[in-house]
């Protein structure tokens, strides 16, 4: 991913299902320290796809229809901004917990973007 790349966020904000929003990547390596979160040593994609309550957990998809992240959170003091965990980090976490499985879906890691 690069700054300015177009992305689409899927979710169910405020329990309104089948909702999508489009935007651009504005940062590819926002840290938990910058976001004033507990230090998890995690980075996030930042986009202008807002993540409202109910949208977290949905996929962030690039224009090649590949899942590149998992919508994670918005910031109450910054409307119109969303943060997503890169799919590499999601996969790493699930593999550590022995919860990852290979599926027919194409998951894109940052190494092959």
PDB file of N, CA and C in Angstrom:
ATOM      1  N   UNK A   1       0.844  -1.183   0.000  1.00  0.00           N
ATOM      2  CA  UNK A   1       0.000   0.000   0.000  1.00  0.00           C
ATOM      3  C   UNK A   1       0.884   1.240   0.000  1.00  0.00           C
ATOM      4  N   UNK A   2       0.336   2.266  -0.615  1.00  0.00           N
ATOM      5  CA  UNK A   2       1.025   3.551  -0.641  1.00  0.00           C
ATOM      6  C   UNK A   2       0.035   4.647  -0.268  1.00  0.00           C
ATOM      7  N   UNK A   3       0.565   5.757   0.188  1.00  0.00           N
ATOM      8  CA  UNK A   3      -0.297   6.896   0.455  1.00  0.00           C
ATOM      9  C   UNK A   3      -1.061   7.236  -0.808  1.00  0.00           C
ATOM     10  N   UNK A   4      -2.324   7.511  -0.655  1.00  0.00           N
ATOM     11  CA  UNK A   4      -3.148   7.901  -1.793  1.00  0.00           C
ATOM     12  C   UNK A   4      -3.833   6.749  -2.506  1.00  0.00           C
ATOM     13  N   UNK A   5      -3.490   5.501  -2.149  1.00  0.00           N
ATOM     14  CA  UNK A   5      -4.172   4.354  -2.762  1.00  0.00           C
ATOM     15  C   UNK A   5      -5.637   4.335  -2.324  1.00  0.00           C
ATOM     16  N   UNK A   6      -6.515   4.040  -3.264  1.00  0.00           N
ATOM     17  CA  UNK A   6      -7.945   3.953  -2.972  1.00  0.00           C
ATOM     18  C   UNK A   6      -8.272   2.636  -2.281  1.00  0.00           C
ATOM     19  N   UNK A   7      -9.167   2.704  -1.300  1.00  0.00           N
ATOM     20  CA  UNK A   7      -9.618   1.526  -0.569  1.00  0.00           C
ATOM     21  C   UNK A   7     -11.121   1.625  -0.321  1.00  0.00           C
ATOM     22  N   UNK A   8     -11.709   0.477  -0.004  1.00  0.00           N
ATOM     23  CA  UNK A   8     -13.128   0.405   0.340  1.00  0.00           C
ATOM     24  C   UNK A   8     -13.250  -0.320   1.676  1.00  0.00           C
ATOM     25  N   UNK A   9     -14.021   0.248   2.582  1.00  0.00           N
ATOM     26  CA  UNK A   9     -14.248  -0.363   3.894  1.00  0.00           C
ATOM     27  C   UNK A   9     -15.681  -0.891   3.954  1.00  0.00           C
ATOM     28  N   UNK A  10     -15.808  -2.140   4.382  1.00  0.00           N
ATOM     29  CA  UNK A  10     -17.119  -2.777   4.549  1.00  0.00           C
ATOM     30  C   UNK A  10     -17.439  -2.852   6.039  1.00  0.00           C
ATOM     31  N   UNK A  11     -18.685  -2.681   6.386  1.00  0.00           N
ATOM     32  CA  UNK A  11     -19.055  -2.785   7.790  1.00  0.00           C
ATOM     33  C   UNK A  11     -20.542  -2.619   7.996  1.00  0.00           C
ATOM     34  N   UNK A  12     -20.909  -2.488   9.265  1.00  0.00           N
ATOM     35  CA  UNK A  12     -22.307  -2.292   9.647  1.00  0.00           C
ATOM     36  C   UNK A  12     -22.391  -1.194  10.702  1.00  0.00           C
ATOM     37  N   UNK A  13     -22.088   0.039  10.313  1.00  0.00           N
ATOM     38  CA  UNK A  13     -22.125   1.113  11.304  1.00  0.00           C
ATOM     39  C   UNK A  13     -23.536   1.322  11.840  1.00  0.00           C
ATOM     40  N   UNK A  14     -23.599   1.504  13.135  1.00  0.00           N
ATOM     41  CA  UNK A  14     -24.881   1.760  13.799  1.00  0.00           C
ATOM     42  C   UNK A  14     -25.922   0.701  13.465  1.00  0.00           C
ATOM     43  N   UNK A  15     -25.462  -0.537  13.251  1.00  0.00           N
ATOM     44  CA  UNK A  15     -26.300  -1.696  12.925  1.00  0.00           C
ATOM     45  C   UNK A  15     -26.985  -1.580  11.562  1.00  0.00           C
ATOM     46  N   UNK A  16     -26.424  -0.780  10.678  1.00  0.00           N
ATOM     47  CA  UNK A  16     -26.946  -0.653   9.311  1.00  0.00           C
ATOM     48  C   UNK A  16     -26.105  -1.558   8.430  1.00  0.00           C
ATOM     49  N   UNK A  17     -26.623  -2.763   8.144  1.00  0.00           N
ATOM     50  CA  UNK A  17     -25.808  -3.741   7.419  1.00  0.00           C
ATOM     51  C   UNK A  17     -25.663  -3.385   5.945  1.00  0.00           C
ATOM     52  N   UNK A  18     -24.744  -4.108   5.281  1.00  0.00           N
ATOM     53  CA  UNK A  18     -24.441  -3.920   3.861  1.00  0.00           C
ATOM     54  C   UNK A  18     -24.028  -2.482   3.549  1.00  0.00           C
ATOM     55  N   UNK A  19     -23.091  -1.962   4.342  1.00  0.00           N
ATOM     56  CA  UNK A  19     -22.623  -0.592   4.174  1.00  0.00           C
ATOM     57  C   UNK A  19     -21.179  -0.595   3.714  1.00  0.00           C
ATOM     58  N   UNK A  20     -20.877   0.224   2.716  1.00  0.00           N
ATOM     59  CA  UNK A  20     -19.488   0.389   2.281  1.00  0.00           C
ATOM     60  C   UNK A  20     -19.180   1.878   2.217  1.00  0.00           C
ATOM     61  N   UNK A  21     -17.912   2.182   2.359  1.00  0.00           N
ATOM     62  CA  UNK A  21     -17.444   3.546   2.190  1.00  0.00           C
ATOM     63  C   UNK A  21     -16.090   3.486   1.500  1.00  0.00           C
ATOM     64  N   UNK A  22     -15.800   4.463   0.685  1.00  0.00           N
ATOM     65  CA  UNK A  22     -14.541   4.485  -0.058  1.00  0.00           C
ATOM     66  C   UNK A  22     -13.695   5.657   0.410  1.00  0.00           C
ATOM     67  N   UNK A  23     -12.398   5.497   0.261  1.00  0.00           N
ATOM     68  CA  UNK A  23     -11.485   6.562   0.640  1.00  0.00           C
ATOM     69  C   UNK A  23     -10.082   6.248   0.182  1.00  0.00           C
ATOM     70  N   UNK A  24      -9.138   6.984   0.721  1.00  0.00           N
ATOM     71  CA  UNK A  24      -7.738   6.773   0.371  1.00  0.00           C
ATOM     72  C   UNK A  24      -6.914   6.498   1.621  1.00  0.00           C
ATOM     73  N   UNK A  25      -5.819   5.781   1.420  1.00  0.00           N
ATOM     74  CA  UNK A  25      -4.868   5.540   2.501  1.00  0.00           C
ATOM     75  C   UNK A  25      -4.117   6.840   2.761  1.00  0.00           C
ATOM     76  N   UNK A  26      -4.117   7.286   4.004  1.00  0.00           N
ATOM     77  CA  UNK A  26      -3.402   8.517   4.331  1.00  0.00           C
ATOM     78  C   UNK A  26      -2.150   8.263   5.158  1.00  0.00           C
ATOM     79  N   UNK A  27      -2.007   7.061   5.702  1.00  0.00           N
ATOM     80  CA  UNK A  27      -0.790   6.666   6.410  1.00  0.00           C
ATOM     81  C   UNK A  27      -0.745   5.141   6.433  1.00  0.00           C
ATOM     82  N   UNK A  28       0.433   4.565   6.194  1.00  0.00           N
ATOM     83  CA  UNK A  28       0.532   3.101   6.166  1.00  0.00           C
ATOM     84  C   UNK A  28       1.174   2.527   7.425  1.00  0.00           C
ATOM     85  N   UNK A  29       1.648   3.377   8.312  1.00  0.00           N
ATOM     86  CA  UNK A  29       2.356   2.856   9.486  1.00  0.00           C
ATOM     87  C   UNK A  29       2.095   3.681  10.742  1.00  0.00           C
ATOM     88  N   UNK A  30       0.822   4.014  10.968  1.00  0.00           N
ATOM     89  CA  UNK A  30       0.449   4.736  12.179  1.00  0.00           C
ATOM     90  C   UNK A  30       0.651   3.801  13.366  1.00  0.00           C
ATOM     91  N   UNK A  31       1.294   4.273  14.421  1.00  0.00           N
ATOM     92  CA  UNK A  31       1.603   3.396  15.560  1.00  0.00           C
ATOM     93  C   UNK A  31       0.598   3.563  16.686  1.00  0.00           C
ATOM     94  N   UNK A  32       0.554   2.548  17.548  1.00  0.00           N
ATOM     95  CA  UNK A  32      -0.322   2.609  18.714  1.00  0.00           C
ATOM     96  C   UNK A  32       0.106   3.742  19.645  1.00  0.00           C
ATOM     97  N   UNK A  33       1.386   4.055  19.681  1.00  0.00           N
ATOM     98  CA  UNK A  33       1.870   5.156  20.522  1.00  0.00           C
ATOM     99  C   UNK A  33       1.300   6.482  20.018  1.00  0.00           C
ATOM    100  N   UNK A  34       1.327   6.676  18.689  1.00  0.00           N
ATOM    101  CA  UNK A  34       0.765   7.904  18.112  1.00  0.00           C
ATOM    102  C   UNK A  34      -0.731   8.019  18.401  1.00  0.00           C
ATOM    103  N   UNK A  35      -1.411   6.894  18.473  1.00  0.00           N
ATOM    104  CA  UNK A  35      -2.854   6.880  18.712  1.00  0.00           C
ATOM    105  C   UNK A  35      -3.189   6.873  20.203  1.00  0.00           C
ATOM    106  N   UNK A  36      -2.153   6.939  21.028  1.00  0.00           N
ATOM    107  CA  UNK A  36      -2.310   6.940  22.492  1.00  0.00           C
ATOM    108  C   UNK A  36      -3.047   5.693  22.989  1.00  0.00           C
ATOM    109  N   UNK A  37      -2.656   4.548  22.420  1.00  0.00           N
ATOM    110  CA  UNK A  37      -3.217   3.261  22.808  1.00  0.00           C
ATOM    111  C   UNK A  37      -2.208   2.521  23.672  1.00  0.00           C
ATOM    112  N   UNK A  38      -2.652   1.474  24.391  1.00  0.00           N
ATOM    113  CA  UNK A  38      -1.683   0.650  25.110  1.00  0.00           C
ATOM    114  C   UNK A  38      -0.626   0.151  24.132  1.00  0.00           C
ATOM    115  N   UNK A  39       0.601   0.118  24.581  1.00  0.00           N
ATOM    116  CA  UNK A  39       1.699  -0.255  23.687  1.00  0.00           C
ATOM    117  C   UNK A  39       1.612  -1.730  23.314  1.00  0.00           C
ATOM    118  N   UNK A  40       1.113  -1.987  22.106  1.00  0.00           N
ATOM    119  CA  UNK A  40       0.991  -3.348  21.588  1.00  0.00           C
ATOM    120  C   UNK A  40       2.016  -3.611  20.494  1.00  0.00           C
ATOM    121  N   UNK A  41       2.813  -2.582  20.181  1.00  0.00           N
ATOM    122  CA  UNK A  41       3.781  -2.670  19.093  1.00  0.00           C
ATOM    123  C   UNK A  41       3.092  -3.086  17.798  1.00  0.00           C
ATOM    124  N   UNK A  42       2.040  -2.377  17.480  1.00  0.00           N
ATOM    125  CA  UNK A  42       1.224  -2.658  16.300  1.00  0.00           C
ATOM    126  C   UNK A  42       1.174  -1.394  15.448  1.00  0.00           C
ATOM    127  N   UNK A  43       1.120  -1.575  14.141  1.00  0.00           N
ATOM    128  CA  UNK A  43       0.915  -0.440  13.251  1.00  0.00           C
ATOM    129  C   UNK A  43      -0.448  -0.584  12.582  1.00  0.00           C
ATOM    130  N   UNK A  44      -0.934   0.517  12.077  1.00  0.00           N
ATOM    131  CA  UNK A  44      -2.261   0.561  11.473  1.00  0.00           C
ATOM    132  C   UNK A  44      -2.202   1.295  10.135  1.00  0.00           C
ATOM    133  N   UNK A  45      -3.101   0.939   9.235  1.00  0.00           N
ATOM    134  CA  UNK A  45      -3.363   1.766   8.068  1.00  0.00           C
ATOM    135  C   UNK A  45      -4.326   2.851   8.534  1.00  0.00           C
ATOM    136  N   UNK A  46      -4.099   4.063   8.106  1.00  0.00           N
ATOM    137  CA  UNK A  46      -5.044   5.138   8.365  1.00  0.00           C
ATOM    138  C   UNK A  46      -5.661   5.531   7.039  1.00  0.00           C
ATOM    139  N   UNK A  47      -6.972   5.644   7.014  1.00  0.00           N
ATOM    140  CA  UNK A  47      -7.656   6.060   5.787  1.00  0.00           C
ATOM    141  C   UNK A  47      -8.733   7.070   6.128  1.00  0.00           C
ATOM    142  N   UNK A  48      -9.292   7.662   5.102  1.00  0.00           N
ATOM    143  CA  UNK A  48     -10.413   8.558   5.358  1.00  0.00           C
ATOM    144  C   UNK A  48     -11.750   7.836   5.210  1.00  0.00           C
ATOM    145  N   UNK A  49     -11.716   6.504   5.343  1.00  0.00           N
ATOM    146  CA  UNK A  49     -12.938   5.701   5.457  1.00  0.00           C
ATOM    147  C   UNK A  49     -13.290   5.678   6.942  1.00  0.00           C
ATOM    148  N   UNK A  50     -14.318   6.387   7.357  1.00  0.00           N
ATOM    149  CA  UNK A  50     -14.618   6.431   8.784  1.00  0.00           C
ATOM    150  C   UNK A  50     -14.996   5.060   9.337  1.00  0.00           C
ATOM    151  N   UNK A  51     -14.527   4.779  10.533  1.00  0.00           N
ATOM    152  CA  UNK A  51     -14.896   3.545  11.230  1.00  0.00           C
ATOM    153  C   UNK A  51     -15.780   3.941  12.398  1.00  0.00           C
ATOM    154  N   UNK A  52     -17.067   3.733  12.235  1.00  0.00           N
ATOM    155  CA  UNK A  52     -18.046   4.070  13.256  1.00  0.00           C
ATOM    156  C   UNK A  52     -18.386   2.814  14.054  1.00  0.00           C
ATOM    157  N   UNK A  53     -19.031   2.976  15.216  1.00  0.00           N
ATOM    158  CA  UNK A  53     -19.421   1.788  15.972  1.00  0.00           C
ATOM    159  C   UNK A  53     -20.182   0.801  15.080  1.00  0.00           C
ATOM    160  N   UNK A  54     -19.736  -0.436  15.066  1.00  0.00           N
ATOM    161  CA  UNK A  54     -20.346  -1.471  14.240  1.00  0.00           C
ATOM    162  C   UNK A  54     -19.563  -1.758  12.974  1.00  0.00           C
ATOM    163  N   UNK A  55     -18.692  -0.838  12.565  1.00  0.00           N
ATOM    164  CA  UNK A  55     -17.889  -1.059  11.359  1.00  0.00           C
ATOM    165  C   UNK A  55     -16.628  -1.842  11.643  1.00  0.00           C
ATOM    166  N   UNK A  56     -16.168  -1.826  12.877  1.00  0.00           N
ATOM    167  CA  UNK A  56     -14.931  -2.544  13.161  1.00  0.00           C
ATOM    168  C   UNK A  56     -15.139  -4.038  12.944  1.00  0.00           C
ATOM    169  N   UNK A  57     -14.096  -4.666  12.446  1.00  0.00           N
ATOM    170  CA  UNK A  57     -14.173  -6.092  12.141  1.00  0.00           C
ATOM    171  C   UNK A  57     -14.440  -6.376  10.687  1.00  0.00           C
ATOM    172  N   UNK A  58     -14.890  -5.391   9.944  1.00  0.00           N
ATOM    173  CA  UNK A  58     -15.117  -5.574   8.519  1.00  0.00           C
ATOM    174  C   UNK A  58     -13.809  -5.446   7.744  1.00  0.00           C
ATOM    175  N   UNK A  59     -13.788  -5.925   6.513  1.00  0.00           N
ATOM    176  CA  UNK A  59     -12.565  -5.875   5.734  1.00  0.00           C
ATOM    177  C   UNK A  59     -12.298  -4.497   5.123  1.00  0.00           C
ATOM    178  N   UNK A  60     -11.019  -4.181   4.988  1.00  0.00           N
ATOM    179  CA  UNK A  60     -10.568  -3.047   4.189  1.00  0.00           C
ATOM    180  C   UNK A  60      -9.994  -3.661   2.918  1.00  0.00           C
ATOM    181  N   UNK A  61     -10.500  -3.241   1.771  1.00  0.00           N
ATOM    182  CA  UNK A  61     -10.207  -3.898   0.502  1.00  0.00           C
ATOM    183  C   UNK A  61      -9.592  -2.883  -0.466  1.00  0.00           C
ATOM    184  N   UNK A  62      -8.579  -3.324  -1.226  1.00  0.00           N
ATOM    185  CA  UNK A  62      -8.014  -2.431  -2.241  1.00  0.00           C
ATOM    186  C   UNK A  62      -8.828  -2.539  -3.528  1.00  0.00           C
ATOM    187  N   UNK A  63      -8.447  -1.779  -4.529  1.00  0.00           N
ATOM    188  CA  UNK A  63      -9.230  -1.764  -5.766  1.00  0.00           C
ATOM    189  C   UNK A  63      -9.030  -3.014  -6.615  1.00  0.00           C
ATOM    190  N   UNK A  64      -8.103  -3.889  -6.205  1.00  0.00           N
ATOM    191  CA  UNK A  64      -7.961  -5.203  -6.843  1.00  0.00           C
ATOM    192  C   UNK A  64      -8.849  -6.231  -6.156  1.00  0.00           C
ATOM    193  N   UNK A  65      -9.737  -5.776  -5.268  1.00  0.00           N
ATOM    194  CA  UNK A  65     -10.662  -6.631  -4.502  1.00  0.00           C
ATOM    195  C   UNK A  65      -9.925  -7.579  -3.564  1.00  0.00           C
ATOM    196  N   UNK A  66      -8.806  -7.158  -3.038  1.00  0.00           N
ATOM    197  CA  UNK A  66      -8.045  -7.981  -2.088  1.00  0.00           C
ATOM    198  C   UNK A  66      -8.151  -7.386  -0.694  1.00  0.00           C
ATOM    199  N   UNK A  67      -8.395  -8.248   0.282  1.00  0.00           N
ATOM    200  CA  UNK A  67      -8.460  -7.809   1.673  1.00  0.00           C
ATOM    201  C   UNK A  67      -7.047  -7.427   2.109  1.00  0.00           C
ATOM    202  N   UNK A  68      -6.887  -6.179   2.522  1.00  0.00           N
ATOM    203  CA  UNK A  68      -5.569  -5.715   2.963  1.00  0.00           C
ATOM    204  C   UNK A  68      -5.543  -5.390   4.444  1.00  0.00           C
ATOM    205  N   UNK A  69      -6.715  -5.306   5.066  1.00  0.00           N
ATOM    206  CA  UNK A  69      -6.750  -4.971   6.481  1.00  0.00           C
ATOM    207  C   UNK A  69      -8.094  -5.299   7.093  1.00  0.00           C
ATOM    208  N   UNK A  70      -8.131  -5.160   8.402  1.00  0.00           N
ATOM    209  CA  UNK A  70      -9.336  -5.388   9.184  1.00  0.00           C
ATOM    210  C   UNK A  70      -9.679  -4.067   9.867  1.00  0.00           C
ATOM    211  N   UNK A  71     -10.839  -3.504   9.540  1.00  0.00           N
ATOM    212  CA  UNK A  71     -11.239  -2.226  10.133  1.00  0.00           C
ATOM    213  C   UNK A  71     -11.262  -2.379  11.645  1.00  0.00           C
ATOM    214  N   UNK A  72     -10.599  -1.456  12.304  1.00  0.00           N
ATOM    215  CA  UNK A  72     -10.373  -1.625  13.729  1.00  0.00           C
ATOM    216  C   UNK A  72     -11.040  -0.561  14.586  1.00  0.00           C
ATOM    217  N   UNK A  73     -10.842   0.703  14.240  1.00  0.00           N
ATOM    218  CA  UNK A  73     -11.361   1.748  15.130  1.00  0.00           C
ATOM    219  C   UNK A  73     -11.378   3.093  14.431  1.00  0.00           C
ATOM    220  N   UNK A  74     -12.172   3.957  14.987  1.00  0.00           N
ATOM    221  CA  UNK A  74     -12.174   5.363  14.626  1.00  0.00           C
ATOM    222  C   UNK A  74     -11.747   6.138  15.856  1.00  0.00           C
ATOM    223  N   UNK A  75     -11.717   7.425  15.740  1.00  0.00           N
ATOM    224  CA  UNK A  75     -11.369   8.276  16.882  1.00  0.00           C
ATOM    225  C   UNK A  75     -12.508   9.266  17.091  1.00  0.00           C
ATOM    226  N   UNK A  76     -13.081   9.294  18.288  1.00  0.00           N
ATOM    227  CA  UNK A  76     -14.219  10.184  18.521  1.00  0.00           C
ATOM    228  C   UNK A  76     -13.892  11.656  18.246  1.00  0.00           C
ATOM    229  N   UNK A  77     -12.631  12.036  18.423  1.00  0.00           N
ATOM    230  CA  UNK A  77     -12.269  13.442  18.221  1.00  0.00           C
ATOM    231  C   UNK A  77     -11.865  13.742  16.782  1.00  0.00           C
ATOM    232  N   UNK A  78     -11.839  12.725  15.925  1.00  0.00           N
ATOM    233  CA  UNK A  78     -11.428  12.919  14.528  1.00  0.00           C
ATOM    234  C   UNK A  78     -12.423  12.223  13.611  1.00  0.00           C
ATOM    235  N   UNK A  79     -13.450  12.924  13.195  1.00  0.00           N
ATOM    236  CA  UNK A  79     -14.443  12.308  12.321  1.00  0.00           C
ATOM    237  C   UNK A  79     -13.866  12.133  10.914  1.00  0.00           C
ATOM    238  N   UNK A  80     -14.331  11.107  10.232  1.00  0.00           N
ATOM    239  CA  UNK A  80     -13.882  10.868   8.873  1.00  0.00           C
ATOM    240  C   UNK A  80     -12.544  10.183   8.766  1.00  0.00           C
ATOM    241  N   UNK A  81     -12.087   9.602   9.866  1.00  0.00           N
ATOM    242  CA  UNK A  81     -10.805   8.893   9.876  1.00  0.00           C
ATOM    243  C   UNK A  81     -11.040   7.491  10.415  1.00  0.00           C
ATOM    244  N   UNK A  82     -10.403   6.510   9.792  1.00  0.00           N
ATOM    245  CA  UNK A  82     -10.502   5.134  10.262  1.00  0.00           C
ATOM    246  C   UNK A  82      -9.129   4.492  10.306  1.00  0.00           C
ATOM    247  N   UNK A  83      -8.995   3.501  11.163  1.00  0.00           N
ATOM    248  CA  UNK A  83      -7.738   2.780  11.317  1.00  0.00           C
ATOM    249  C   UNK A  83      -8.002   1.294  11.135  1.00  0.00           C
ATOM    250  N   UNK A  84      -7.122   0.643  10.404  1.00  0.00           N
ATOM    251  CA  UNK A  84      -7.266  -0.779  10.102  1.00  0.00           C
ATOM    252  C   UNK A  84      -5.976  -1.504  10.420  1.00  0.00           C
ATOM    253  N   UNK A  85      -6.117  -2.714  10.965  1.00  0.00           N
ATOM    254  CA  UNK A  85      -4.959  -3.565  11.227  1.00  0.00           C
ATOM    255  C   UNK A  85      -4.579  -4.237   9.906  1.00  0.00           C
ATOM    256  N   UNK A  86      -3.318  -4.097   9.470  1.00  0.00           N
ATOM    257  CA  UNK A  86      -2.912  -4.776   8.231  1.00  0.00           C
ATOM    258  C   UNK A  86      -3.143  -6.281   8.325  1.00  0.00           C
ATOM    259  N   UNK A  87      -3.536  -6.897   7.212  1.00  0.00           N
ATOM    260  CA  UNK A  87      -3.889  -8.316   7.201  1.00  0.00           C
ATOM    261  C   UNK A  87      -2.725  -9.194   7.640  1.00  0.00           C
ATOM    262  N   UNK A  88      -1.483  -8.752   7.395  1.00  0.00           N
ATOM    263  CA  UNK A  88      -0.313  -9.509   7.881  1.00  0.00           C
ATOM    264  C   UNK A  88      -0.357  -9.657   9.395  1.00  0.00           C
ATOM    265  N   UNK A  89      -0.691  -8.563  10.081  1.00  0.00           N
ATOM    266  CA  UNK A  89      -0.746  -8.597  11.544  1.00  0.00           C
ATOM    267  C   UNK A  89      -1.884  -9.484  12.031  1.00  0.00           C
ATOM    268  N   UNK A  90      -3.021  -9.440  11.341  1.00  0.00           N
ATOM    269  CA  UNK A  90      -4.159 -10.287  11.705  1.00  0.00           C
ATOM    270  C   UNK A  90      -3.754 -11.754  11.582  1.00  0.00           C
ATOM    271  N   UNK A  91      -3.146 -12.075  10.456  1.00  0.00           N
ATOM    272  CA  UNK A  91      -2.743 -13.466  10.213  1.00  0.00           C
ATOM    273  C   UNK A  91      -1.737 -13.940  11.275  1.00  0.00           C
ATOM    274  N   UNK A  92      -0.744 -13.092  11.562  1.00  0.00           N
ATOM    275  CA  UNK A  92       0.258 -13.432  12.584  1.00  0.00           C
ATOM    276  C   UNK A  92      -0.398 -13.750  13.919  1.00  0.00           C
ATOM    277  N   UNK A  93      -1.321 -12.893  14.317  1.00  0.00           N
ATOM    278  CA  UNK A  93      -2.000 -13.076  15.598  1.00  0.00           C
ATOM    279  C   UNK A  93      -2.807 -14.376  15.619  1.00  0.00           C
ATOM    280  N   UNK A  94      -3.535 -14.644  14.541  1.00  0.00           N
ATOM    281  CA  UNK A  94      -4.345 -15.859  14.493  1.00  0.00           C
ATOM    282  C   UNK A  94      -3.489 -17.116  14.425  1.00  0.00           C
ATOM    283  N   UNK A  95      -2.362 -17.043  13.725  1.00  0.00           N
ATOM    284  CA  UNK A  95      -1.466 -18.201  13.669  1.00  0.00           C
ATOM    285  C   UNK A  95      -0.889 -18.501  15.048  1.00  0.00           C
ATOM    286  N   UNK A  96      -0.547 -17.459  15.817  1.00  0.00           N
ATOM    287  CA  UNK A  96      -0.029 -17.654  17.176  1.00  0.00           C
ATOM    288  C   UNK A  96      -1.052 -18.361  18.055  1.00  0.00           C
ATOM    289  N   UNK A  97      -2.306 -18.071  17.832  1.00  0.00           N
ATOM    290  CA  UNK A  97      -3.380 -18.683  18.627  1.00  0.00           C
ATOM    291  C   UNK A  97      -3.908 -19.952  17.977  1.00  0.00           C
ATOM    292  N   UNK A  98      -3.261 -20.375  16.889  1.00  0.00           N
ATOM    293  CA  UNK A  98      -3.659 -21.587  16.161  1.00  0.00           C
ATOM    294  C   UNK A  98      -5.074 -21.479  15.599  1.00  0.00           C
ATOM    295  N   UNK A  99      -5.455 -20.272  15.191  1.00  0.00           N
ATOM    296  CA  UNK A  99      -6.807 -20.056  14.679  1.00  0.00           C
ATOM    297  C   UNK A  99      -6.838 -19.763  13.187  1.00  0.00           C
ATOM    298  N   UNK A 100      -5.673 -19.644  12.551  1.00  0.00           N
ATOM    299  CA  UNK A 100      -5.650 -19.320  11.118  1.00  0.00           C
ATOM    300  C   UNK A 100      -5.932 -20.562  10.308  1.00  0.00           C
ATOM    301  N   UNK A 101      -6.667 -20.423   9.241  1.00  0.00           N
ATOM    302  CA  UNK A 101      -6.888 -21.526   8.317  1.00  0.00           C
ATOM    303  C   UNK A 101      -6.770 -20.973   6.912  1.00  0.00           C
ATOM    304  N   UNK A 102      -6.318 -21.808   6.010  1.00  0.00           N
ATOM    305  CA  UNK A 102      -6.256 -21.394   4.612  1.00  0.00           C
ATOM    306  C   UNK A 102      -7.656 -21.490   4.042  1.00  0.00           C
ATOM    307  N   UNK A 103      -8.032 -20.475   3.317  1.00  0.00           N
ATOM    308  CA  UNK A 103      -9.367 -20.470   2.720  1.00  0.00           C
ATOM    309  C   UNK A 103      -9.248 -20.192   1.233  1.00  0.00           C
ATOM    310  N   UNK A 104     -10.310 -20.425   0.492  1.00  0.00           N
ATOM    311  CA  UNK A 104     -10.265 -20.138  -0.940  1.00  0.00           C
ATOM    312  C   UNK A 104     -10.206 -18.639  -1.227  1.00  0.00           C
ATOM    313  N   UNK A 105     -10.449 -17.808  -0.211  1.00  0.00           N
ATOM    314  CA  UNK A 105     -10.403 -16.363  -0.421  1.00  0.00           C
ATOM    315  C   UNK A 105      -8.966 -15.918  -0.599  1.00  0.00           C
ATOM    316  N   UNK A 106      -8.753 -14.948  -1.436  1.00  0.00           N
ATOM    317  CA  UNK A 106      -7.423 -14.400  -1.683  1.00  0.00           C
ATOM    318  C   UNK A 106      -7.120 -13.342  -0.624  1.00  0.00           C
ATOM    319  N   UNK A 107      -6.245 -13.646   0.289  1.00  0.00           N
ATOM    320  CA  UNK A 107      -5.797 -12.650   1.263  1.00  0.00           C
ATOM    321  C   UNK A 107      -4.474 -12.116   0.772  1.00  0.00           C
ATOM    322  N   UNK A 108      -4.333 -10.803   0.771  1.00  0.00           N
ATOM    323  CA  UNK A 108      -3.130 -10.179   0.256  1.00  0.00           C
ATOM    324  C   UNK A 108      -2.289  -9.698   1.423  1.00  0.00           C
ATOM    325  N   UNK A 109      -1.051 -10.124   1.467  1.00  0.00           N
ATOM    326  CA  UNK A 109      -0.143  -9.624   2.482  1.00  0.00           C
ATOM    327  C   UNK A 109       0.591  -8.428   1.907  1.00  0.00           C
ATOM    328  N   UNK A 110       1.153  -7.594   2.786  1.00  0.00           N
ATOM    329  CA  UNK A 110       1.828  -6.405   2.307  1.00  0.00           C
ATOM    330  C   UNK A 110       3.034  -6.764   1.450  1.00  0.00           C
ATOM    331  N   UNK A 111       3.554  -7.964   1.611  1.00  0.00           N
ATOM    332  CA  UNK A 111       4.705  -8.393   0.807  1.00  0.00           C
ATOM    333  C   UNK A 111       4.357  -8.531  -0.672  1.00  0.00           C
ATOM    334  N   UNK A 112       3.085  -8.856  -0.979  1.00  0.00           N
ATOM    335  CA  UNK A 112       2.751  -9.007  -2.402  1.00  0.00           C
ATOM    336  C   UNK A 112       1.754  -7.952  -2.881  1.00  0.00           C
ATOM    337  N   UNK A 113       1.777  -6.802  -2.248  1.00  0.00           N
ATOM    338  CA  UNK A 113       0.947  -5.674  -2.718  1.00  0.00           C
ATOM    339  C   UNK A 113       1.830  -4.808  -3.596  1.00  0.00           C
TER     340      UNK A 113
END
